[in-house]
Each structure stands twice: as C-alpha cells, then as structure tokens.
Amino acid sequence: MGATATATAVAAGVVAGSGRELSNPPTDGISNLRFSNHSDHLLVSSWDRRVRLYDASANLLKGQFQHGGAVLDCCFHDDASGFSGSADHTVRRYDFSTGKEDILGRHEAPVRCVEYSYAAGQVISGSWDKSLKCWDPRGASGQEKTLVGTYSQPERVYSMSLVGHRLVVATAGRHINVYDLRNMSQPEQRRESSLKYQTRCVRCYPNGTGFALSSVEGRVAMEFFDLSEAGQTKKYAFKCHRKVEAGKDTVFPVNAIAFHPIYGTFATGGCDGYVNVWDGNNKKRLYQYSKYPSSIAALSFSRDGRLLAVASSYTFEDGEKPHEPDAIFVRGVNEAEVKPKPKVYATPP
C-alpha cells in the first residue's frame, strides 16, 4: 500500500489487527454485506429483519430499513438505491436519499439471494421455492408489474453470482446452473458441484472465466466455464479452514468468498473465525488475518480493493449456544496481502 493509501486508511480510522469495528452493528446474525461499486458505502443484511447502510470510511450508519422477516441478502443498484431479499418472501427496493421503500416482487418461500445485473438492467432473485425470478426495477413504484420471467431450479437456491451476462446459481443437492442473461429459457450449462457436501458460496472470477465454489467440508473448488478438455484440466479443489489437534482433523464450513477487484486474488472466510487470502493461479495462500471473535459470515472488498469488510457473526453451525455479539470490521488492505507473488524459477547450473 502506498503512502497516500496508508494515510487514507489511517484517516478512516482503520487499525491493525482485525480492523476497525463499525458502530451500530446488526443485533442478530449477519447474512451478507456488500460494498458499493461507486463509494465506500456498505450495505448489510441481517436476521434482525433490517437492512443497514453504512459509510464504512466514516464509521457512520446512514440509514436502515425493515422487512417483515429475516433479511437473507442485499445488493446495491447504485449509491442512491438498493435491493434485498427476505424470509418474508419479498424482494424490496430502497431509495437511500428519500428513505422510501417498496416491494419489487414476491416468491412463494424465503428469498435467499438477490443480485443486480448492470449488463441486463435487471434484479435477479433466488428463492427456497426452487425458482429464479428476474425483475425490471424501472417498473411503476408500488406495483408488481416488473416481473420479466420465472425460471425453475432443481432445488432451493443457496448462492448466486454474476459476471457480465453470466449468472451462476448454486442450489441444494449440489446443483450448479450457469445462465446467459440474454437467453434465460434454459441454463447454458448444468453441472454438479465437484465438492461432496452442501454448497455455501459461489463467486465468479472478475475476469469472467469461471467461478469459485465453497462448501461445508472446508474446501474450495476453482471451476472454469470453458468445457473443452483443455479448459477443464485447469480446475482443481483445495482444503482450507481446517485445524489438526491431537491428530484429529477439525473441518470448518467455508461461508464466504470475495475476489479482489484489482489483482483477482480472493479471500475466504470460515466458521473457524479466520480470513485467508489466496492466489488461485499459483495455488498458494498469500495471507491469514488474525482470528476474529466469531465465524466469518460474509466478506466484501471495496471497489478499489483498499478496504475489506468482514462480518464476524455466529452462523449456528453448533446450534443454539452463547456466542460473541455480531460485528462488522473494516480493515485496510496492504498490497502485500493481496498481490500475487511472481514465480521464482531456479537458475540452471
């Protein structure tokens, strides 16, 4: 990190170690958090039925909105508006400047995922009713006349990710559907996860060539869209978020994946409370941050990769028990933590 970036991080109050803890955090489990593509604004959804908007650099809660049930996902449209999906079966949109909100549409079961596609100008929601729905947010406020299409899925939707016109949908039963948003009539590809157990998170590579997939078994799979033999030989999976004590291997679910917007390296967060940074191309771990107070529920890099937001929030992997309060940490990112290291080749004799 250069001197200017370091000074900015210090001015923002970001400290070493875990990072700066945001004031006024959610009061129940954090389901997701996302930085804006235009600023250091951070949108956070949680099980306390609220969506919160923060200025992460200023450590300021700028506004909050309430659902009728737990909020399971959220995303920005732009700095002035955003969307969320909830266990109350609704997809909502918010105008941050006026405080107004309305229902964009509904599902028949909890809405687990919501994404906004800049390429298609649509909101995509994925639900436990085993469907995707695409919405046109330009429809009349308060009127549910914005549904573009409904697309059946093989199982409940657990995670989604967008890159360009490509949409990757991960469901229960280890199904993976890859869509082209320009033709949603059927998936471009139907796959089965190369990991043996339940999918937790899917995130597309920033360069659009594939996606990373994590599961409850402490593994991440690196997949590629190119179905040619040469393309598929590039894929691999690796173990992470595990520890060995007294000869016993303890495995932790990998809940979150976030790609660095500049370098294409990525961070993973697990129920072990650790955040690791990986160089996928060179198959190496670059960095491990100090342990956080609770499970890592979600991760997001800022648009310039200068900040990393970390949701430290118990995800009930061990059932109901006393646990640390939910917290959001924002840490400054040092270039050495996320920049791939050049390969060193041995000098021939």
Protein backbone atom coordinates (compact mmCIF):
# COMPACT_ATOMS: atom_id res chain seq x y z
CA MET A 1 0.00 0.00 0.00
CA GLY A 2 1.41 3.39 -0.97
CA ALA A 3 1.80 6.30 1.41
CA THR A 4 -1.38 8.00 0.18
CA ALA A 5 -3.50 4.88 0.61
CA THR A 6 -2.00 4.27 4.05
CA ALA A 7 -2.77 7.82 5.10
CA THR A 8 -6.33 7.44 3.84
CA ALA A 9 -6.77 4.23 5.83
CA VAL A 10 -5.44 5.89 8.98
CA ALA A 11 -7.74 8.88 8.44
CA ALA A 12 -10.65 6.48 8.07
CA GLY A 13 -9.79 5.03 11.47
CA VAL A 14 -8.83 1.60 10.15
CA VAL A 15 -6.47 -0.04 12.60
CA ALA A 16 -4.11 -3.03 12.51
CA GLY A 17 -5.25 -6.49 13.51
CA SER A 18 -8.94 -7.18 12.96
CA GLY A 19 -9.62 -3.71 11.58
CA ARG A 20 -11.97 -1.01 12.78
CA GLU A 21 -15.27 -2.24 14.22
CA LEU A 22 -18.29 -0.38 12.86
CA SER A 23 -20.65 1.26 15.32
CA ASN A 24 -24.36 0.30 15.46
CA PRO A 25 -23.97 -3.27 14.12
CA PRO A 26 -26.86 -5.66 13.49
CA THR A 27 -28.36 -7.28 16.59
CA ASP A 28 -28.77 -10.75 15.06
CA GLY A 29 -26.90 -12.89 12.54
CA ILE A 30 -25.38 -11.05 9.57
CA SER A 31 -26.41 -12.72 6.29
CA ASN A 32 -24.41 -10.58 3.85
CA LEU A 33 -22.56 -7.33 3.32
CA ARG A 34 -21.52 -5.56 0.12
CA PHE A 35 -19.52 -2.51 -0.80
CA SER A 36 -20.91 -0.13 -3.41
CA ASN A 37 -19.28 -0.03 -6.85
CA HIS A 38 -19.14 3.75 -6.56
CA SER A 39 -18.07 4.63 -2.99
CA ASP A 40 -17.15 3.25 0.43
CA HIS A 41 -20.83 2.77 1.28
CA LEU A 42 -21.56 -0.66 2.72
CA LEU A 43 -24.95 -2.41 2.63
CA VAL A 44 -25.62 -5.07 5.29
CA SER A 45 -28.48 -7.56 5.68
CA SER A 46 -29.23 -9.48 8.84
CA TRP A 47 -31.57 -11.79 10.69
CA ASP A 48 -32.83 -8.89 12.83
CA ARG A 49 -35.11 -8.02 9.85
CA ARG A 50 -33.13 -4.97 8.86
CA VAL A 51 -31.02 -3.67 6.00
CA ARG A 52 -28.41 -1.12 7.08
CA LEU A 53 -26.45 1.37 5.01
CA TYR A 54 -23.06 2.50 6.36
CA ASP A 55 -20.36 4.87 5.28
CA ALA A 56 -17.55 2.45 6.07
CA SER A 57 -14.74 5.03 5.95
CA ALA A 58 -16.54 7.46 8.26
CA ASN A 59 -17.90 4.67 10.52
CA LEU A 60 -21.39 6.13 10.13
CA LEU A 61 -24.78 4.40 9.98
CA LYS A 62 -26.56 6.38 7.28
CA GLY A 63 -29.91 4.62 7.32
CA GLN A 64 -31.82 1.40 7.90
CA PHE A 65 -34.90 -0.31 6.53
CA GLN A 66 -37.06 -3.09 7.92
CA HIS A 67 -38.56 -6.28 6.46
CA GLY A 68 -41.28 -8.49 7.92
CA GLY A 69 -38.77 -11.32 8.37
CA ALA A 70 -35.06 -12.09 8.43
CA VAL A 71 -33.18 -10.41 5.57
CA LEU A 72 -31.10 -13.04 3.79
CA ASP A 73 -29.34 -10.95 1.12
CA CYS A 74 -28.86 -7.42 -0.19
CA CYS A 75 -27.21 -5.62 -3.09
CA PHE A 76 -26.71 -2.12 -4.46
CA HIS A 77 -28.32 -0.70 -7.58
CA ASP A 78 -26.21 2.44 -7.26
CA ASP A 79 -25.22 4.72 -4.39
CA ALA A 80 -28.78 6.03 -4.21
CA SER A 81 -30.68 2.75 -4.14
CA GLY A 82 -30.52 -0.96 -3.39
CA PHE A 83 -32.43 -4.22 -3.10
CA SER A 84 -32.92 -7.02 -0.58
CA GLY A 85 -34.50 -10.45 -0.24
CA SER A 86 -36.15 -11.76 2.90
CA ALA A 87 -37.68 -14.71 4.71
CA ASP A 88 -40.96 -12.77 4.39
CA HIS A 89 -40.90 -13.92 0.71
CA THR A 90 -40.46 -10.38 -0.67
CA VAL A 91 -37.88 -8.59 -2.80
CA ARG A 92 -37.69 -4.95 -1.77
CA ARG A 93 -36.05 -1.85 -3.21
CA TYR A 94 -34.88 1.21 -1.30
CA ASP A 95 -34.25 4.83 -2.12
CA PHE A 96 -31.49 5.81 0.27
CA SER A 97 -31.81 9.54 -0.33
CA THR A 98 -35.56 9.75 0.45
CA GLY A 99 -35.91 6.76 2.77
CA LYS A 100 -38.71 5.37 0.62
CA GLU A 101 -39.07 1.65 0.00
CA ASP A 102 -41.46 -0.63 -1.87
CA ILE A 103 -41.97 -4.27 -2.75
CA LEU A 104 -40.47 -5.13 -6.12
CA GLY A 105 -41.96 -8.64 -6.10
CA ARG A 106 -42.63 -11.85 -4.23
CA HIS A 107 -41.72 -15.53 -4.10
CA GLU A 108 -43.58 -18.49 -2.58
CA ALA A 109 -40.84 -19.08 0.03
CA PRO A 110 -37.92 -17.15 1.62
CA VAL A 111 -35.76 -15.18 -0.84
CA ARG A 112 -32.18 -16.33 -0.25
CA CYS A 113 -30.28 -14.38 -2.94
CA VAL A 114 -30.61 -11.08 -4.78
CA GLU A 115 -28.34 -9.62 -7.46
CA TYR A 116 -28.48 -6.57 -9.71
CA SER A 117 -27.17 -7.05 -13.25
CA TYR A 118 -25.74 -3.88 -14.77
CA ALA A 119 -25.43 -5.74 -18.09
CA ALA A 120 -29.13 -6.65 -18.24
CA GLY A 121 -30.57 -3.82 -16.12
CA GLN A 122 -32.45 -6.40 -14.06
CA VAL A 123 -32.74 -7.62 -10.49
CA ILE A 124 -32.43 -11.41 -10.12
CA SER A 125 -33.80 -13.13 -7.03
CA GLY A 126 -33.28 -16.75 -5.99
CA SER A 127 -35.58 -18.44 -3.52
CA TRP A 128 -36.12 -21.56 -1.47
CA ASP A 129 -39.25 -22.02 -3.62
CA LYS A 130 -36.83 -23.52 -6.19
CA SER A 131 -37.08 -20.64 -8.62
CA LEU A 132 -35.25 -17.65 -10.03
CA LYS A 133 -37.15 -14.50 -10.90
CA CYS A 134 -35.93 -11.57 -13.00
CA TRP A 135 -37.38 -8.11 -12.33
CA ASP A 136 -37.27 -4.80 -14.16
CA PRO A 137 -36.73 -2.21 -11.39
CA ARG A 138 -37.88 0.60 -13.68
CA GLY A 139 -41.50 -0.51 -13.23
CA ALA A 140 -44.05 1.69 -11.51
CA SER A 141 -43.39 2.16 -7.79
CA GLY A 142 -45.57 0.03 -5.57
CA GLN A 143 -46.93 -2.04 -8.45
CA GLU A 144 -45.81 -5.61 -9.04
CA LYS A 145 -45.74 -5.26 -12.83
CA THR A 146 -41.99 -5.67 -13.10
CA LEU A 147 -41.63 -9.46 -13.43
CA VAL A 148 -39.61 -10.33 -16.53
CA GLY A 149 -39.56 -14.10 -16.07
CA THR A 150 -39.63 -17.05 -13.68
CA TYR A 151 -37.18 -19.94 -14.07
CA SER A 152 -37.50 -23.25 -12.22
CA GLN A 153 -34.46 -24.63 -10.40
CA PRO A 154 -33.69 -28.24 -9.44
CA GLU A 155 -33.59 -27.35 -5.74
CA ARG A 156 -33.60 -24.44 -3.26
CA VAL A 157 -31.28 -21.59 -4.26
CA TYR A 158 -28.37 -21.21 -1.83
CA SER A 159 -25.99 -18.79 -3.58
CA MET A 160 -25.67 -16.78 -6.81
CA SER A 161 -23.02 -14.71 -8.57
CA LEU A 162 -22.85 -12.51 -11.68
CA VAL A 163 -20.10 -11.58 -14.10
CA GLY A 164 -21.07 -9.73 -17.27
CA HIS A 165 -24.06 -11.55 -18.81
CA ARG A 166 -23.27 -14.79 -16.95
CA LEU A 167 -25.20 -15.86 -13.87
CA VAL A 168 -24.10 -18.84 -11.75
CA VAL A 169 -26.72 -20.38 -9.46
CA ALA A 170 -25.83 -22.89 -6.73
CA THR A 171 -28.68 -24.86 -5.17
CA ALA A 172 -29.28 -27.58 -2.61
CA GLY A 173 -28.39 -31.03 -3.86
CA ARG A 174 -25.04 -29.69 -5.17
CA HIS A 175 -26.59 -28.48 -8.46
CA ILE A 176 -24.92 -25.64 -10.39
CA ASN A 177 -26.73 -23.85 -13.23
CA VAL A 178 -24.93 -21.36 -15.47
CA TYR A 179 -27.14 -18.91 -17.40
CA ASP A 180 -26.66 -16.30 -20.11
CA LEU A 181 -28.94 -13.42 -19.06
CA ARG A 182 -29.62 -12.69 -22.73
CA ASN A 183 -31.33 -16.08 -23.06
CA MET A 184 -32.80 -17.39 -19.82
CA SER A 185 -35.01 -20.03 -21.44
CA GLN A 186 -32.66 -22.74 -20.20
CA PRO A 187 -29.25 -22.93 -18.49
CA GLU A 188 -26.19 -22.58 -20.69
CA GLN A 189 -24.60 -25.29 -18.53
CA ARG A 190 -25.93 -27.73 -15.93
CA ARG A 191 -23.30 -29.03 -13.55
CA GLU A 192 -22.86 -30.91 -10.32
CA SER A 193 -20.56 -29.47 -7.69
CA SER A 194 -17.16 -31.15 -7.64
CA LEU A 195 -17.32 -30.87 -3.83
CA LYS A 196 -19.01 -33.70 -1.96
CA TYR A 197 -21.08 -31.69 0.50
CA GLN A 198 -23.50 -28.77 0.74
CA THR A 199 -22.59 -25.59 -1.14
CA ARG A 200 -22.19 -22.44 0.94
CA CYS A 201 -21.00 -19.80 -1.52
CA VAL A 202 -20.34 -19.26 -5.23
CA ARG A 203 -18.46 -16.25 -6.64
CA CYS A 204 -17.46 -15.57 -10.26
CA TYR A 205 -13.91 -14.67 -11.21
CA PRO A 206 -13.63 -10.94 -12.06
CA ASN A 207 -12.13 -11.84 -15.47
CA GLY A 208 -15.25 -13.85 -16.37
CA THR A 209 -13.53 -17.20 -17.00
CA GLY A 210 -15.07 -19.22 -14.18
CA PHE A 211 -16.16 -19.35 -10.56
CA ALA A 212 -15.08 -20.41 -7.08
CA LEU A 213 -17.33 -22.63 -5.00
CA SER A 214 -17.14 -23.33 -1.26
CA SER A 215 -18.81 -25.93 0.92
CA VAL A 216 -19.38 -27.07 4.48
CA GLU A 217 -16.48 -29.53 4.22
CA GLY A 218 -13.68 -26.94 4.42
CA ARG A 219 -12.93 -26.96 0.71
CA VAL A 220 -12.99 -24.55 -2.22
CA ALA A 221 -13.30 -25.62 -5.87
CA MET A 222 -11.94 -23.50 -8.71
CA GLU A 223 -14.09 -24.05 -11.81
CA PHE A 224 -13.96 -22.78 -15.41
CA PHE A 225 -16.74 -22.08 -17.93
CA ASP A 226 -14.72 -23.43 -20.86
CA LEU A 227 -15.96 -27.01 -21.30
CA SER A 228 -13.15 -28.09 -23.62
CA GLU A 229 -10.75 -30.72 -22.33
CA ALA A 230 -8.01 -28.09 -22.07
CA GLY A 231 -10.31 -25.76 -20.16
CA GLN A 232 -11.44 -28.41 -17.71
CA THR A 233 -7.90 -29.56 -16.92
CA LYS A 234 -7.39 -26.19 -15.19
CA LYS A 235 -9.98 -26.84 -12.49
CA TYR A 236 -8.97 -28.01 -9.03
CA ALA A 237 -10.11 -28.03 -5.40
CA PHE A 238 -8.18 -27.42 -2.20
CA LYS A 239 -8.60 -27.83 1.54
CA CYS A 240 -8.81 -24.79 3.81
CA HIS A 241 -10.24 -23.65 7.16
CA ARG A 242 -9.17 -26.78 8.98
CA LYS A 243 -7.05 -27.47 12.02
CA VAL A 244 -5.32 -30.53 13.39
CA GLU A 245 -5.26 -31.05 17.15
CA ALA A 246 -4.02 -34.21 18.82
CA GLY A 247 -4.04 -35.94 15.46
CA LYS A 248 -7.70 -35.06 14.84
CA ASP A 249 -8.67 -33.03 11.75
CA THR A 250 -11.42 -30.47 12.51
CA VAL A 251 -13.20 -29.17 9.42
CA PHE A 252 -15.00 -25.81 9.26
CA PRO A 253 -17.59 -24.65 6.70
CA VAL A 254 -16.34 -22.00 4.25
CA ASN A 255 -19.12 -19.42 4.31
CA ALA A 256 -17.73 -16.59 2.21
CA ILE A 257 -15.59 -15.85 -0.85
CA ALA A 258 -14.64 -12.36 -2.09
CA PHE A 259 -12.42 -11.53 -5.08
CA HIS A 260 -10.03 -8.60 -5.02
CA PRO A 261 -11.13 -6.22 -7.81
CA ILE A 262 -7.59 -5.33 -8.92
CA TYR A 263 -5.48 -8.46 -8.56
CA GLY A 264 -8.06 -11.24 -8.92
CA THR A 265 -6.82 -12.95 -5.76
CA PHE A 266 -9.54 -13.89 -3.30
CA ALA A 267 -10.38 -14.08 0.38
CA THR A 268 -12.24 -16.91 2.10
CA GLY A 269 -13.96 -16.79 5.48
CA GLY A 270 -14.82 -19.80 7.59
CA CYS A 271 -16.52 -20.90 10.77
CA ASP A 272 -13.05 -21.08 12.33
CA GLY A 273 -13.08 -17.26 12.53
CA TYR A 274 -10.22 -16.85 10.07
CA VAL A 275 -9.95 -14.93 6.79
CA ASN A 276 -7.39 -16.30 4.33
CA VAL A 277 -6.21 -14.65 1.10
CA TRP A 278 -5.36 -16.91 -1.84
CA ASP A 279 -3.56 -16.67 -5.16
CA GLY A 280 -5.69 -19.04 -7.22
CA ASN A 281 -3.45 -19.01 -10.28
CA ASN A 282 -0.38 -20.07 -8.31
CA LYS A 283 -2.35 -22.22 -5.85
CA LYS A 284 -0.87 -20.51 -2.79
CA ARG A 285 -2.13 -18.86 0.36
CA LEU A 286 -0.86 -15.29 0.49
CA TYR A 287 -2.02 -14.21 3.93
CA GLN A 288 -4.03 -15.13 7.01
CA TYR A 289 -5.52 -12.37 9.17
CA SER A 290 -5.73 -12.56 12.93
CA LYS A 291 -8.63 -14.65 14.21
CA TYR A 292 -11.97 -12.86 14.51
CA PRO A 293 -14.29 -13.21 17.52
CA SER A 294 -16.81 -15.44 15.72
CA SER A 295 -17.49 -17.25 12.44
CA ILE A 296 -16.94 -15.29 9.23
CA ALA A 297 -20.40 -14.96 7.69
CA ALA A 298 -19.60 -12.62 4.77
CA LEU A 299 -16.76 -10.71 3.08
CA SER A 300 -16.55 -7.81 0.63
CA PHE A 301 -13.69 -5.80 -0.89
CA SER A 302 -14.27 -2.14 -1.67
CA ARG A 303 -14.37 -1.11 -5.34
CA ASP A 304 -10.65 -0.17 -5.34
CA GLY A 305 -9.57 -3.10 -3.16
CA ARG A 306 -8.33 -0.73 -0.48
CA LEU A 307 -10.74 -1.96 2.22
CA LEU A 308 -12.07 -5.36 3.25
CA ALA A 309 -15.34 -5.63 5.20
CA VAL A 310 -15.63 -8.70 7.43
CA ALA A 311 -18.84 -9.92 9.06
CA SER A 312 -17.93 -11.69 12.30
CA SER A 313 -21.21 -13.41 13.14
CA TYR A 314 -22.08 -16.80 14.63
CA THR A 315 -23.74 -18.92 11.93
CA PHE A 316 -25.29 -21.50 14.29
CA GLU A 317 -23.15 -24.35 12.97
CA ASP A 318 -23.16 -25.77 16.52
CA GLY A 319 -26.78 -24.92 17.31
CA GLU A 320 -28.03 -22.51 19.96
CA LYS A 321 -25.26 -21.55 22.37
CA PRO A 322 -23.73 -18.41 23.94
CA HIS A 323 -21.64 -16.55 21.36
CA GLU A 324 -19.87 -13.28 20.73
CA PRO A 325 -22.01 -10.31 19.58
CA ASP A 326 -22.30 -9.82 15.84
CA ALA A 327 -19.79 -7.32 14.49
CA ILE A 328 -18.59 -5.75 11.25
CA PHE A 329 -14.89 -4.99 10.88
CA VAL A 330 -13.41 -2.83 8.12
CA ARG A 331 -9.69 -3.24 7.65
CA GLY A 332 -7.18 -1.53 5.42
CA VAL A 333 -5.71 -3.88 2.82
CA ASN A 334 -1.96 -3.89 2.31
CA GLU A 335 -0.83 -4.64 -1.23
CA ALA A 336 1.49 -7.37 0.06
CA GLU A 337 -1.55 -9.25 1.42
CA VAL A 338 -3.40 -9.47 -1.90
CA LYS A 339 -0.92 -9.03 -4.76
CA PRO A 340 0.25 -12.27 -6.39
CA LYS A 341 3.90 -13.00 -5.87
CA PRO A 342 5.95 -13.59 -9.05
CA LYS A 343 7.03 -17.15 -9.66
CA VAL A 344 10.68 -17.76 -8.86
CA TYR A 345 12.42 -20.09 -11.27
CA ALA A 346 15.60 -21.92 -10.35
CA THR A 347 18.69 -20.74 -12.21
CA PRO A 348 20.02 -23.59 -14.39
CA PRO A 349 23.53 -24.76 -13.49
